[in-house]
Amino acid sequence: MEGGSMYNSNLNVIPARAKSCLDRISKDNLVLFGLLVSLFSLLVIFIVMPLWAMLVKSVQNDRGEYVGLDNFFAYFANDSLWYSVGNTFSLGVLVTTVVGVLAFGYAFALTRSCMPFKGLFHVLGSAPILAPSLLPAISLIFLFGNQGIAKGMLGGQSVYGLIGIAIGLIFWTFPHALMILTTSLRTSDARLYEAARALKTSPLKTFFVVTLPAAKYGLISTLIVVFTLVVCDFGVAKVIGGSYNVLATDIFKQVVGQQNFSMGAVTSILLLLPALMAFIADRWVQKKQKSLFDTGSVPYQPEPNKVRDGICFVYCLTISFAVITVLGMAIYGSLVTFWPWNKALTLNNYNFSEMSTYGWSPYFNSLTLASWTAIVGTMIIFVGAYCIEKGRAYSPIRQVMQMLSVVPMAVPGMVLGLGYIFYFNDANNPLSVLYGGMAFLVINTVVHYYTVGHMTAVTALKQIPAEIEATAASVKLPQYKLFFKVTLPVCIPATLDIATYLFINALTTTSAVVFIYSTDTIPASVSVLNMDDAGQTGAAAAMAVMIMMSAAVAKLVHMTLGKWLETKTQAWRKR
């Protein structure tokens, strides 16, 4: 009888334990489902619906009546607007070609030579990414404008037009290309170069047979990214474009200048097409790309070569001098009393309370925008990426979420901002209360830069050994405990990268917020644009310099904090 009682007791214990495990698993799945639904709702509301509203607006007239494709026919019937399409494409091809060649040579010098000061050259080559695109345009006016100190260097050509836009965009897009190409060229198998030497292959032929094929996908991705940035940029063309119209400035003129929202929507659709095609091409390249570095590979280490290293040093020195010249000219112009009539140095241009009715408020608005974008965006992006990458259930939903997460990369900032006007500036929309507030700008900026942060987070999560997740699941460890005890500490450097990326881009962005700010939330980048339009070039340069310095400080904090966190949280990577 006693034995039977013990047997029945064990039978009761087993179902109780099983029920406890099932409850725990169901709680994890319930939390996962809730997070996925919440993220899905946010992406639909703040990405899909604004784009849908813009698409609807493009087939309506000013009274909101459906007119089909009449707006598109009217657009292409206007010769000046049609020329904007050709100008945009020509500019994209020109800048992409030049940046591709220049950045490849610079990245090659950093990774495949033994020249001195490589660390300094890397910093200088990446420096333009800290400045808004308006800064090089203003600097070029000081250099090559009608009263520029070096206007004769253009051979009588005006900087206001294709030449100025191209130079400004080459400067601004160069660091984006450099980052991709440096990563692509850094990892190479030394065995291939040893085989080339054994076969007595010349260095030039080795470059075309070994080096270039290994980096071809990185180069293609670079060209796609640069082309997309060029056709979608608004700041450079607005400041120094003159009468050379492109699609991005056409949108601004249609919406702000003529209040023609229907034609603005049509132009946005046209601007969305090249960005979308470039995005699709980039995704195709990513799928085709295969790892050329395995466990049997030997990392390539360049050997000293006086001729090659000397050429690389002179090349990098030349480009770095150009970068310093552009940045330095902007700083100098911000200190000139009244260009070009009174070149006495002064800090009066930084007295924004006298230069603009907004005073210093745009600068502090930008700091607020950047801070909240970094905090809120990093939390949403990382948690969303974790649910998609490490979730233990709802695979179909997670696959759909992954697709939605990469959509923002294909949407230009101006297109997204215009979509926000059409969708949220509507009394029938309960979310219209957000319109014009700081939270509205934060949401727009997070969405605009969501994809890069998401891809960074997914890459970091993929580096965590799958055995950890499997072990945690086998011992029935709640997933939220695994997240806080293992995943988050291990991925802290990646979250810092995401936060810094969001902070700097929120400081420098113009196109994403130019349509949706209010008098209380005007950011510094838009203030630069307004002051330049008002002829206050010195004050505009001063505000652009303040943005650049703030971004530089953020980057220094990121580098310092990143090194400290690496020693504290990344010991597992070292054997």
Protein backbone atom coordinates (compact mmCIF):
# COMPACT_ATOMS: atom_id res chain seq x y z
CA MET A 1 0.00 0.00 0.00
CA GLU A 2 2.86 2.28 0.94
CA GLY A 3 4.67 1.50 -2.34
CA GLY A 4 1.50 2.23 -4.29
CA SER A 5 1.21 5.57 -2.54
CA MET A 6 4.77 6.53 -3.54
CA TYR A 7 4.06 5.45 -7.11
CA ASN A 8 0.94 7.61 -7.28
CA SER A 9 2.88 10.51 -5.76
CA ASN A 10 5.53 10.29 -8.50
CA LEU A 11 2.79 10.20 -11.13
CA ASN A 12 1.39 13.40 -9.70
CA VAL A 13 4.82 15.10 -9.63
CA ILE A 14 5.61 14.39 -13.31
CA PRO A 15 2.45 16.01 -14.74
CA ALA A 16 2.97 18.96 -12.40
CA ARG A 17 6.52 19.51 -13.71
CA ALA A 18 5.35 19.08 -17.29
CA LYS A 19 2.57 21.60 -16.72
CA SER A 20 5.07 24.06 -15.23
CA CYS A 21 7.34 23.71 -18.30
CA LEU A 22 4.40 24.11 -20.67
CA ASP A 23 3.26 27.20 -18.82
CA ARG A 24 6.77 28.66 -19.01
CA ILE A 25 7.08 27.91 -22.72
CA SER A 26 3.64 29.32 -23.41
CA LYS A 27 4.56 32.50 -21.53
CA ASP A 28 7.70 32.88 -23.68
CA ASN A 29 5.68 32.35 -26.83
CA LEU A 30 3.01 34.74 -25.61
CA VAL A 31 5.59 37.46 -24.96
CA LEU A 32 7.22 36.76 -28.35
CA PHE A 33 3.86 36.96 -30.10
CA GLY A 34 3.04 40.23 -28.36
CA LEU A 35 6.36 41.79 -29.33
CA LEU A 36 6.09 40.61 -32.95
CA VAL A 37 2.54 41.96 -33.27
CA SER A 38 3.57 45.27 -31.71
CA LEU A 39 6.56 45.64 -34.04
CA PHE A 40 4.49 44.59 -37.04
CA SER A 41 1.88 47.20 -36.18
CA LEU A 42 4.52 49.91 -35.82
CA LEU A 43 6.13 49.07 -39.16
CA VAL A 44 2.78 48.99 -40.94
CA ILE A 45 1.61 52.28 -39.40
CA PHE A 46 4.84 54.19 -39.85
CA ILE A 47 6.17 52.70 -43.12
CA VAL A 48 3.49 50.98 -45.17
CA MET A 49 0.59 53.35 -44.54
CA PRO A 50 2.50 56.60 -45.32
CA LEU A 51 3.73 55.08 -48.58
CA TRP A 52 0.20 53.95 -49.40
CA ALA A 53 -1.12 57.46 -48.63
CA MET A 54 1.46 58.92 -50.99
CA LEU A 55 0.53 56.45 -53.72
CA VAL A 56 -3.14 57.38 -53.32
CA LYS A 57 -2.31 61.09 -53.42
CA SER A 58 -0.43 60.64 -56.71
CA VAL A 59 -3.67 59.57 -58.46
CA GLN A 60 -5.81 62.37 -56.98
CA ASN A 61 -6.19 66.03 -57.85
CA ASP A 62 -5.96 68.92 -55.39
CA ARG A 63 -9.59 68.35 -54.37
CA GLY A 64 -8.94 64.72 -53.49
CA GLU A 65 -10.77 63.35 -56.55
CA TYR A 66 -9.47 60.27 -58.34
CA VAL A 67 -7.86 61.19 -61.68
CA GLY A 68 -5.94 58.01 -62.50
CA LEU A 69 -2.63 58.58 -64.24
CA ASP A 70 -3.43 62.15 -65.32
CA ASN A 71 -0.85 63.55 -62.87
CA PHE A 72 1.87 61.34 -64.34
CA PHE A 73 0.95 62.38 -67.89
CA ALA A 74 1.00 66.02 -66.85
CA TYR A 75 4.39 65.54 -65.21
CA PHE A 76 6.06 64.09 -68.31
CA ALA A 77 4.36 66.65 -70.53
CA ASN A 78 6.37 69.33 -68.72
CA ASP A 79 9.81 69.50 -70.32
CA SER A 80 11.53 71.02 -67.28
CA LEU A 81 10.31 68.25 -65.00
CA TRP A 82 11.29 65.61 -67.56
CA TYR A 83 14.79 67.08 -67.66
CA SER A 84 15.03 66.58 -63.91
CA VAL A 85 14.84 62.84 -64.44
CA GLY A 86 17.72 62.93 -66.91
CA ASN A 87 19.73 65.26 -64.66
CA THR A 88 19.25 62.98 -61.67
CA PHE A 89 20.36 59.92 -63.60
CA SER A 90 23.38 61.71 -65.13
CA LEU A 91 24.44 63.02 -61.73
CA GLY A 92 24.05 59.57 -60.18
CA VAL A 93 26.22 57.89 -62.83
CA LEU A 94 28.90 60.60 -62.69
CA VAL A 95 29.27 60.70 -58.90
CA THR A 96 29.01 56.93 -58.52
CA THR A 97 31.81 56.36 -61.05
CA VAL A 98 34.16 58.92 -59.51
CA VAL A 99 33.50 57.85 -55.91
CA GLY A 100 33.87 54.17 -56.83
CA VAL A 101 37.33 54.77 -58.30
CA LEU A 102 38.54 57.16 -55.58
CA ALA A 103 37.25 55.11 -52.65
CA PHE A 104 38.57 51.83 -54.06
CA GLY A 105 42.05 53.30 -54.39
CA TYR A 106 41.90 54.74 -50.88
CA ALA A 107 40.62 51.47 -49.37
CA PHE A 108 43.30 49.53 -51.28
CA ALA A 109 45.99 51.80 -49.81
CA LEU A 110 44.63 51.30 -46.28
CA THR A 111 44.41 47.51 -46.52
CA ARG A 112 47.02 46.40 -49.05
CA SER A 113 50.01 48.64 -48.35
CA CYS A 114 52.49 49.29 -45.55
CA MET A 115 52.40 53.07 -45.88
CA PRO A 116 52.77 55.15 -42.68
CA PHE A 117 49.92 56.94 -40.85
CA LYS A 118 47.23 54.51 -42.01
CA GLY A 119 45.21 55.12 -38.85
CA LEU A 120 45.22 58.88 -39.43
CA PHE A 121 44.28 58.46 -43.08
CA HIS A 122 41.39 56.18 -42.10
CA VAL A 123 40.04 58.84 -39.71
CA LEU A 124 40.38 61.61 -42.30
CA GLY A 125 38.75 59.51 -45.01
CA SER A 126 35.77 58.83 -42.75
CA ALA A 127 35.46 62.41 -41.44
CA PRO A 128 32.89 63.69 -44.00
CA ILE A 129 30.29 61.27 -42.63
CA LEU A 130 30.10 63.43 -39.49
CA ALA A 131 28.98 66.51 -41.43
CA PRO A 132 25.55 67.22 -42.93
CA SER A 133 25.49 67.23 -46.73
CA LEU A 134 24.84 70.98 -46.58
CA LEU A 135 28.33 71.64 -45.17
CA PRO A 136 30.38 70.70 -48.29
CA ALA A 137 27.96 72.70 -50.44
CA ILE A 138 28.50 75.81 -48.29
CA SER A 139 32.24 75.21 -48.23
CA LEU A 140 32.33 74.98 -52.03
CA ILE A 141 30.60 78.36 -52.24
CA PHE A 142 33.39 79.87 -50.14
CA LEU A 143 35.96 78.15 -52.33
CA PHE A 144 34.59 78.38 -55.87
CA GLY A 145 31.55 80.67 -55.69
CA ASN A 146 31.24 84.02 -57.42
CA GLN A 147 33.33 85.55 -54.63
CA GLY A 148 35.27 82.37 -53.80
CA ILE A 149 38.97 82.43 -52.98
CA ALA A 150 39.76 79.81 -55.66
CA LYS A 151 37.06 80.41 -58.27
CA GLY A 152 39.67 80.55 -61.05
CA MET A 153 40.51 76.87 -60.54
CA LEU A 154 37.28 75.85 -62.29
CA GLY A 155 38.44 77.38 -65.57
CA GLY A 156 35.63 79.88 -65.77
CA GLN A 157 32.92 77.31 -65.07
CA SER A 158 30.29 78.12 -62.48
CA VAL A 159 30.17 76.01 -59.35
CA TYR A 160 26.40 76.55 -59.21
CA GLY A 161 25.16 73.55 -61.13
CA LEU A 162 26.30 70.08 -62.08
CA ILE A 163 29.95 70.71 -61.13
CA GLY A 164 29.15 71.95 -57.64
CA ILE A 165 26.56 69.27 -56.92
CA ALA A 166 28.92 66.55 -58.14
CA ILE A 167 31.88 67.75 -56.06
CA GLY A 168 29.70 68.14 -52.96
CA LEU A 169 28.19 64.68 -53.32
CA ILE A 170 31.57 63.09 -54.06
CA PHE A 171 32.81 64.53 -50.76
CA TRP A 172 29.70 63.46 -48.82
CA THR A 173 29.35 59.91 -50.21
CA PHE A 174 33.07 59.07 -50.14
CA PRO A 175 33.14 57.74 -46.52
CA HIS A 176 30.10 55.52 -47.13
CA ALA A 177 31.90 53.87 -50.04
CA LEU A 178 35.15 53.69 -48.08
CA MET A 179 33.55 51.74 -45.22
CA ILE A 180 32.15 49.05 -47.51
CA LEU A 181 35.28 48.71 -49.64
CA THR A 182 37.64 48.62 -46.65
CA THR A 183 35.64 45.75 -45.19
CA SER A 184 35.61 43.99 -48.56
CA LEU A 185 39.37 44.31 -49.11
CA ARG A 186 40.44 43.59 -45.55
CA THR A 187 39.69 39.86 -45.69
CA SER A 188 41.74 38.01 -48.32
CA ASP A 189 43.40 34.62 -48.54
CA ALA A 190 47.20 34.89 -48.66
CA ARG A 191 47.42 31.48 -50.39
CA LEU A 192 46.04 33.00 -53.60
CA TYR A 193 48.79 35.59 -53.69
CA GLU A 194 51.43 32.95 -52.93
CA ALA A 195 50.15 30.91 -55.86
CA ALA A 196 50.30 34.00 -58.09
CA ARG A 197 53.91 34.63 -57.11
CA ALA A 198 54.78 30.97 -57.68
CA LEU A 199 53.36 31.26 -61.20
CA LYS A 200 55.42 34.45 -61.73
CA THR A 201 52.27 36.51 -62.28
CA SER A 202 52.92 40.24 -62.53
CA PRO A 203 51.50 42.51 -59.79
CA LEU A 204 49.16 44.18 -62.28
CA LYS A 205 47.77 40.87 -63.49
CA THR A 206 47.48 39.64 -59.89
CA PHE A 207 45.35 42.69 -59.16
CA PHE A 208 42.92 41.89 -61.97
CA VAL A 209 42.94 38.11 -61.45
CA VAL A 210 42.97 37.85 -57.64
CA THR A 211 42.29 41.16 -55.87
CA LEU A 212 39.49 42.58 -58.01
CA PRO A 213 37.41 39.35 -58.32
CA ALA A 214 37.57 38.84 -54.55
CA ALA A 215 36.23 42.36 -53.95
CA LYS A 216 33.76 42.54 -56.84
CA TYR A 217 30.61 42.07 -54.76
CA GLY A 218 31.74 44.67 -52.26
CA LEU A 219 32.46 47.04 -55.14
CA ILE A 220 29.05 46.43 -56.71
CA SER A 221 27.35 47.04 -53.34
CA THR A 222 29.35 50.26 -53.00
CA LEU A 223 28.25 51.54 -56.39
CA ILE A 224 24.62 50.75 -55.58
CA VAL A 225 24.75 52.48 -52.20
CA VAL A 226 26.44 55.59 -53.61
CA PHE A 227 24.00 55.83 -56.52
CA THR A 228 21.07 55.61 -54.11
CA LEU A 229 22.52 58.30 -51.84
CA VAL A 230 23.15 60.60 -54.80
CA VAL A 231 19.71 60.41 -56.39
CA CYS A 232 17.99 60.79 -53.01
CA ASP A 233 20.07 63.65 -51.58
CA PHE A 234 18.42 67.02 -51.25
CA GLY A 235 20.82 69.27 -49.32
CA VAL A 236 23.71 69.68 -51.77
CA ALA A 237 21.47 70.29 -54.79
CA LYS A 238 19.35 72.78 -52.85
CA VAL A 239 22.31 74.90 -51.70
CA ILE A 240 24.58 74.85 -54.75
CA GLY A 241 22.44 73.44 -57.56
CA GLY A 242 21.47 76.74 -59.13
CA SER A 243 19.18 76.08 -62.10
CA TYR A 244 20.26 72.42 -62.34
CA ASN A 245 17.09 70.68 -61.19
CA VAL A 246 17.00 67.12 -59.85
CA LEU A 247 14.10 65.03 -58.58
CA ALA A 248 14.83 65.72 -54.90
CA THR A 249 14.70 69.51 -55.36
CA ASP A 250 11.62 69.16 -57.58
CA ILE A 251 9.75 67.54 -54.70
CA PHE A 252 10.70 70.45 -52.43
CA LYS A 253 9.63 73.04 -55.00
CA GLN A 254 6.32 71.29 -55.70
CA VAL A 255 5.40 70.90 -52.04
CA VAL A 256 6.89 73.97 -50.33
CA GLY A 257 7.05 76.41 -53.23
CA GLN A 258 3.82 75.63 -55.11
CA GLN A 259 1.82 73.68 -52.50
CA ASN A 260 1.11 71.15 -55.28
CA PHE A 261 0.96 68.00 -53.19
CA SER A 262 -0.32 65.76 -55.98
CA MET A 263 2.64 66.54 -58.23
CA GLY A 264 4.93 66.23 -55.23
CA ALA A 265 3.58 62.70 -54.73
CA VAL A 266 4.16 61.90 -58.41
CA THR A 267 7.77 63.10 -58.18
CA SER A 268 8.21 61.03 -55.01
CA ILE A 269 7.01 57.92 -56.81
CA LEU A 270 9.56 58.55 -59.55
CA LEU A 271 12.31 59.10 -56.98
CA LEU A 272 11.29 55.91 -55.22
CA LEU A 273 11.78 53.81 -58.36
CA PRO A 274 15.58 54.14 -58.79
CA ALA A 275 16.08 53.69 -55.04
CA LEU A 276 13.88 50.58 -55.12
CA MET A 277 15.71 49.12 -58.12
CA ALA A 278 19.06 49.78 -56.47
CA PHE A 279 17.81 48.11 -53.30
CA ILE A 280 16.67 45.01 -55.20
CA ALA A 281 20.02 44.85 -57.02
CA ASP A 282 21.88 45.12 -53.71
CA ARG A 283 19.83 42.28 -52.20
CA TRP A 284 20.64 40.16 -55.26
CA VAL A 285 24.34 40.90 -54.81
CA GLN A 286 24.16 39.95 -51.13
CA LYS A 287 22.63 36.58 -52.03
CA LYS A 288 25.26 35.91 -54.68
CA GLN A 289 28.14 36.82 -52.41
CA LYS A 290 29.88 33.86 -50.81
CA SER A 291 32.54 33.76 -48.15
CA LEU A 292 36.03 33.54 -49.65
CA PHE A 293 37.61 33.02 -46.25
CA ASP A 294 37.31 29.69 -44.40
CA THR A 295 39.04 27.89 -41.57
CA GLY A 296 41.90 26.80 -43.84
CA SER A 297 42.55 30.32 -45.16
CA VAL A 298 45.57 32.38 -44.20
CA PRO A 299 44.98 36.12 -43.63
CA TYR A 300 46.82 38.25 -46.17
CA GLN A 301 49.43 40.59 -44.72
CA PRO A 302 50.97 43.10 -47.14
CA GLU A 303 54.73 43.22 -47.36
CA PRO A 304 56.66 46.50 -47.59
CA ASN A 305 57.15 47.79 -51.11
CA LYS A 306 58.70 51.24 -51.46
CA VAL A 307 57.16 52.10 -54.84
CA ARG A 308 53.65 50.88 -54.01
CA ASP A 309 53.69 52.29 -50.47
CA GLY A 310 54.98 55.63 -51.73
CA ILE A 311 52.24 55.90 -54.36
CA CYS A 312 49.58 54.92 -51.81
CA PHE A 313 50.88 57.49 -49.34
CA VAL A 314 50.81 60.31 -51.89
CA TYR A 315 47.33 59.23 -53.06
CA CYS A 316 45.86 59.17 -49.55
CA LEU A 317 47.64 62.41 -48.68
CA THR A 318 46.04 64.12 -51.68
CA ILE A 319 42.52 62.99 -50.85
CA SER A 320 42.98 63.75 -47.15
CA PHE A 321 44.17 67.25 -48.07
CA ALA A 322 40.99 67.74 -50.12
CA VAL A 323 38.86 66.59 -47.15
CA ILE A 324 40.70 68.90 -44.75
CA THR A 325 40.35 71.77 -47.23
CA VAL A 326 36.57 71.38 -47.51
CA LEU A 327 36.03 70.97 -43.77
CA GLY A 328 38.55 73.68 -42.92
CA MET A 329 36.99 76.13 -45.39
CA ALA A 330 33.59 75.64 -43.76
CA ILE A 331 35.10 76.37 -40.34
CA TYR A 332 36.97 79.41 -41.70
CA GLY A 333 33.84 80.72 -43.42
CA SER A 334 31.92 80.43 -40.16
CA LEU A 335 34.48 82.74 -38.52
CA VAL A 336 34.53 85.45 -41.21
CA THR A 337 32.61 88.60 -40.27
CA PHE A 338 30.92 89.19 -43.64
CA TRP A 339 32.06 87.21 -46.67
CA PRO A 340 33.74 88.42 -48.86
CA TRP A 341 33.73 92.12 -47.89
CA ASN A 342 34.98 91.86 -44.31
CA LYS A 343 37.21 88.85 -43.67
CA ALA A 344 38.10 89.77 -40.10
CA LEU A 345 37.68 86.74 -37.84
CA THR A 346 34.85 86.79 -35.32
CA LEU A 347 32.56 84.49 -33.40
CA ASN A 348 29.55 86.64 -34.17
CA ASN A 349 28.20 84.10 -36.69
CA TYR A 350 27.74 81.71 -33.77
CA ASN A 351 25.49 84.23 -32.02
CA PHE A 352 22.43 82.61 -33.55
CA SER A 353 20.02 84.68 -31.47
CA GLU A 354 20.98 87.67 -33.64
CA MET A 355 21.14 85.73 -36.90
CA SER A 356 17.83 83.89 -36.71
CA THR A 357 14.50 84.23 -34.95
CA TYR A 358 14.97 80.66 -33.71
CA GLY A 359 18.32 81.40 -32.03
CA TRP A 360 20.02 78.35 -30.55
CA SER A 361 16.80 76.34 -30.29
CA PRO A 362 17.37 74.40 -33.57
CA TYR A 363 20.71 73.15 -32.27
CA PHE A 364 19.24 71.97 -28.98
CA ASN A 365 16.26 70.52 -30.86
CA SER A 366 18.72 68.44 -32.90
CA LEU A 367 20.48 67.22 -29.76
CA THR A 368 17.10 66.27 -28.29
CA LEU A 369 16.05 64.57 -31.53
CA ALA A 370 19.35 62.69 -31.78
CA SER A 371 19.27 61.57 -28.13
CA TRP A 372 15.71 60.24 -28.23
CA THR A 373 16.30 58.65 -31.64
CA ALA A 374 19.35 56.83 -30.28
CA ILE A 375 17.60 55.66 -27.09
CA VAL A 376 14.19 54.70 -28.46
CA GLY A 377 15.50 53.49 -31.80
CA THR A 378 18.17 51.24 -30.31
CA MET A 379 15.69 49.56 -27.95
CA ILE A 380 13.08 48.95 -30.64
CA ILE A 381 15.59 47.85 -33.27
CA PHE A 382 17.51 45.44 -31.04
CA VAL A 383 14.46 43.86 -29.42
CA GLY A 384 12.82 43.53 -32.83
CA ALA A 385 15.92 41.94 -34.34
CA TYR A 386 16.15 39.54 -31.38
CA CYS A 387 12.53 38.44 -31.79
CA ILE A 388 13.04 37.87 -35.50
CA GLU A 389 16.43 36.16 -35.30
CA LYS A 390 16.22 34.25 -32.00
CA GLY A 391 12.50 33.64 -31.59
CA ARG A 392 11.54 30.02 -30.89
CA ALA A 393 8.13 30.09 -32.56
CA TYR A 394 5.97 31.81 -35.20
CA SER A 395 8.45 31.33 -38.02
CA PRO A 396 6.11 32.65 -40.79
CA ILE A 397 5.46 35.86 -38.85
CA ARG A 398 9.18 36.36 -38.24
CA GLN A 399 9.91 35.93 -41.95
CA VAL A 400 7.35 38.60 -42.83
CA MET A 401 8.84 40.86 -40.18
CA GLN A 402 12.30 40.38 -41.66
CA MET A 403 10.99 41.52 -45.04
CA LEU A 404 9.33 44.60 -43.55
CA SER A 405 12.47 45.48 -41.61
CA VAL A 406 14.51 46.04 -44.79
CA VAL A 407 11.87 48.16 -46.57
CA PRO A 408 13.02 51.53 -45.09
CA MET A 409 16.38 51.18 -46.84
CA ALA A 410 14.61 51.46 -50.20
CA VAL A 411 12.64 54.60 -49.23
CA PRO A 412 14.36 58.00 -49.69
CA GLY A 413 14.04 60.39 -46.76
CA MET A 414 12.05 63.01 -48.67
CA VAL A 415 9.60 60.39 -49.89
CA LEU A 416 9.09 59.11 -46.36
CA GLY A 417 8.63 62.65 -45.01
CA LEU A 418 6.07 63.51 -47.68
CA GLY A 419 4.21 60.27 -46.95
CA TYR A 420 4.04 61.29 -43.29
CA ILE A 421 2.35 64.56 -44.30
CA PHE A 422 -0.29 62.77 -46.36
CA TYR A 423 -1.04 60.11 -43.76
CA PHE A 424 -0.72 61.83 -40.39
CA ASN A 425 -1.82 65.37 -41.26
CA ASP A 426 -5.40 64.18 -41.45
CA ALA A 427 -8.07 65.00 -38.88
CA ASN A 428 -9.63 61.56 -39.41
CA ASN A 429 -6.42 59.84 -38.33
CA PRO A 430 -6.33 59.39 -34.52
CA LEU A 431 -2.53 59.58 -34.68
CA SER A 432 -2.68 63.11 -36.11
CA VAL A 433 -2.01 64.39 -32.56
CA LEU A 434 1.63 63.39 -33.15
CA TYR A 435 1.99 65.73 -36.12
CA GLY A 436 4.44 68.56 -35.55
CA GLY A 437 5.79 67.29 -32.24
CA MET A 438 9.27 66.07 -31.33
CA ALA A 439 7.98 62.50 -31.00
CA PHE A 440 6.88 62.73 -34.64
CA LEU A 441 10.40 63.65 -35.76
CA VAL A 442 11.88 60.88 -33.61
CA ILE A 443 9.58 58.26 -35.12
CA ASN A 444 10.34 59.44 -38.66
CA THR A 445 14.10 59.39 -38.07
CA VAL A 446 14.07 55.95 -36.43
CA VAL A 447 12.08 54.55 -39.35
CA HIS A 448 14.33 56.22 -41.92
CA TYR A 449 17.47 54.58 -40.50
CA TYR A 450 15.82 51.42 -39.20
CA THR A 451 17.25 48.94 -41.70
CA VAL A 452 20.95 49.60 -41.10
CA GLY A 453 20.46 49.29 -37.35
CA HIS A 454 18.43 46.12 -37.83
CA MET A 455 21.10 44.54 -40.03
CA THR A 456 23.78 45.46 -37.48
CA ALA A 457 21.78 43.85 -34.69
CA VAL A 458 21.07 40.69 -36.71
CA THR A 459 24.77 40.36 -37.59
CA ALA A 460 25.69 40.59 -33.91
CA LEU A 461 23.03 38.06 -32.92
CA LYS A 462 24.21 35.61 -35.56
CA GLN A 463 27.66 35.61 -33.96
CA ILE A 464 26.28 34.15 -30.73
CA PRO A 465 26.79 30.36 -30.87
CA ALA A 466 23.54 28.54 -31.59
CA GLU A 467 24.41 26.03 -28.83
CA ILE A 468 23.57 28.66 -26.22
CA GLU A 469 20.01 28.96 -27.47
CA ALA A 470 19.67 25.19 -27.78
CA THR A 471 21.00 24.61 -24.27
CA ALA A 472 18.70 27.24 -22.79
CA ALA A 473 15.71 25.69 -24.54
CA SER A 474 16.64 22.19 -23.36
CA VAL A 475 16.79 23.26 -19.71
CA LYS A 476 13.58 25.26 -20.09
CA LEU A 477 15.27 28.56 -19.29
CA PRO A 478 12.83 31.42 -19.94
CA GLN A 479 13.88 33.33 -22.99
CA TYR A 480 13.68 36.71 -21.28
CA LYS A 481 16.27 35.54 -18.73
CA LEU A 482 18.56 34.35 -21.51
CA PHE A 483 18.12 37.72 -23.22
CA PHE A 484 19.13 39.79 -20.18
CA LYS A 485 21.83 37.46 -18.82
CA VAL A 486 23.58 36.39 -22.03
CA THR A 487 22.38 37.99 -25.27
CA LEU A 488 22.26 41.64 -24.25
CA PRO A 489 25.66 41.71 -22.45
CA VAL A 490 27.33 39.93 -25.38
CA CYS A 491 25.77 42.33 -27.91
CA ILE A 492 26.40 45.53 -25.95
CA PRO A 493 29.06 46.76 -28.45
CA ALA A 494 26.61 46.28 -31.31
CA THR A 495 23.89 48.21 -29.48
CA LEU A 496 26.39 51.02 -28.91
CA ASP A 497 27.18 51.01 -32.65
CA ILE A 498 23.47 51.27 -33.44
CA ALA A 499 22.92 54.08 -30.94
CA THR A 500 25.88 56.07 -32.31
CA TYR A 501 24.75 55.52 -35.89
CA LEU A 502 21.25 56.77 -35.08
CA PHE A 503 22.54 59.73 -33.06
CA ILE A 504 24.91 61.00 -35.77
CA ASN A 505 22.42 60.54 -38.61
CA ALA A 506 19.66 62.25 -36.63
CA LEU A 507 22.01 65.23 -36.22
CA THR A 508 22.95 65.44 -39.88
CA THR A 509 19.72 64.45 -41.68
CA THR A 510 17.85 67.02 -43.70
CA SER A 511 15.74 65.20 -46.28
CA ALA A 512 13.83 63.06 -43.78
CA VAL A 513 12.59 65.96 -41.63
CA VAL A 514 12.46 68.94 -44.00
CA PHE A 515 8.69 68.54 -44.52
CA ILE A 516 7.48 67.61 -41.04
CA TYR A 517 9.10 69.95 -38.51
CA SER A 518 7.22 72.75 -36.76
CA THR A 519 8.37 76.12 -35.43
CA ASP A 520 8.96 74.49 -32.04
CA THR A 521 10.87 71.48 -33.36
CA ILE A 522 12.94 72.88 -36.24
CA PRO A 523 16.25 70.92 -36.29
CA ALA A 524 19.69 72.43 -36.86
CA SER A 525 20.09 70.92 -40.33
CA VAL A 526 16.92 72.65 -41.55
CA SER A 527 18.03 75.87 -39.85
CA VAL A 528 21.22 75.71 -41.94
CA LEU A 529 19.07 75.48 -45.06
CA ASN A 530 16.87 78.41 -44.02
CA MET A 531 19.81 80.65 -43.10
CA ASP A 532 21.52 79.89 -46.40
CA ASP A 533 18.31 80.78 -48.26
CA ALA A 534 18.22 84.07 -46.35
CA GLY A 535 21.76 84.90 -47.48
CA GLN A 536 23.29 84.32 -44.04
CA THR A 537 26.00 82.00 -45.35
CA GLY A 538 28.35 82.59 -42.42
CA ALA A 539 25.71 81.72 -39.86
CA ALA A 540 24.67 78.69 -41.92
CA ALA A 541 28.29 77.51 -41.96
CA ALA A 542 28.51 78.08 -38.20
CA MET A 543 25.45 75.93 -37.52
CA ALA A 544 26.76 73.22 -39.87
CA VAL A 545 30.08 73.28 -38.01
CA MET A 546 28.24 72.91 -34.69
CA ILE A 547 26.49 69.82 -36.07
CA MET A 548 29.80 68.39 -37.25
CA MET A 549 31.55 69.04 -33.92
CA SER A 550 28.68 67.45 -31.99
CA ALA A 551 28.80 64.38 -34.22
CA ALA A 552 32.58 64.20 -33.76
CA VAL A 553 32.21 64.31 -29.96
CA ALA A 554 29.60 61.54 -30.16
CA LYS A 555 32.00 59.45 -32.25
CA LEU A 556 34.85 59.97 -29.76
CA VAL A 557 32.58 58.92 -26.90
CA HIS A 558 31.56 55.88 -28.94
CA MET A 559 35.18 54.87 -29.58
CA THR A 560 36.21 55.33 -25.92
CA LEU A 561 33.19 53.60 -24.46
CA GLY A 562 33.39 50.88 -27.12
CA LYS A 563 36.95 49.94 -26.16
CA TRP A 564 36.00 49.76 -22.48
CA LEU A 565 32.93 47.62 -23.19
CA GLU A 566 34.96 45.32 -25.42
CA THR A 567 37.30 44.47 -22.54
CA LYS A 568 34.35 43.91 -20.20
CA THR A 569 31.94 41.94 -22.38
CA GLN A 570 33.87 40.38 -25.27
CA ALA A 571 36.37 38.13 -23.50
CA TRP A 572 34.47 35.10 -24.84
CA ARG A 573 35.76 35.89 -28.35
CA LYS A 574 39.37 35.39 -27.26
CA ARG A 575 40.84 31.97 -26.73
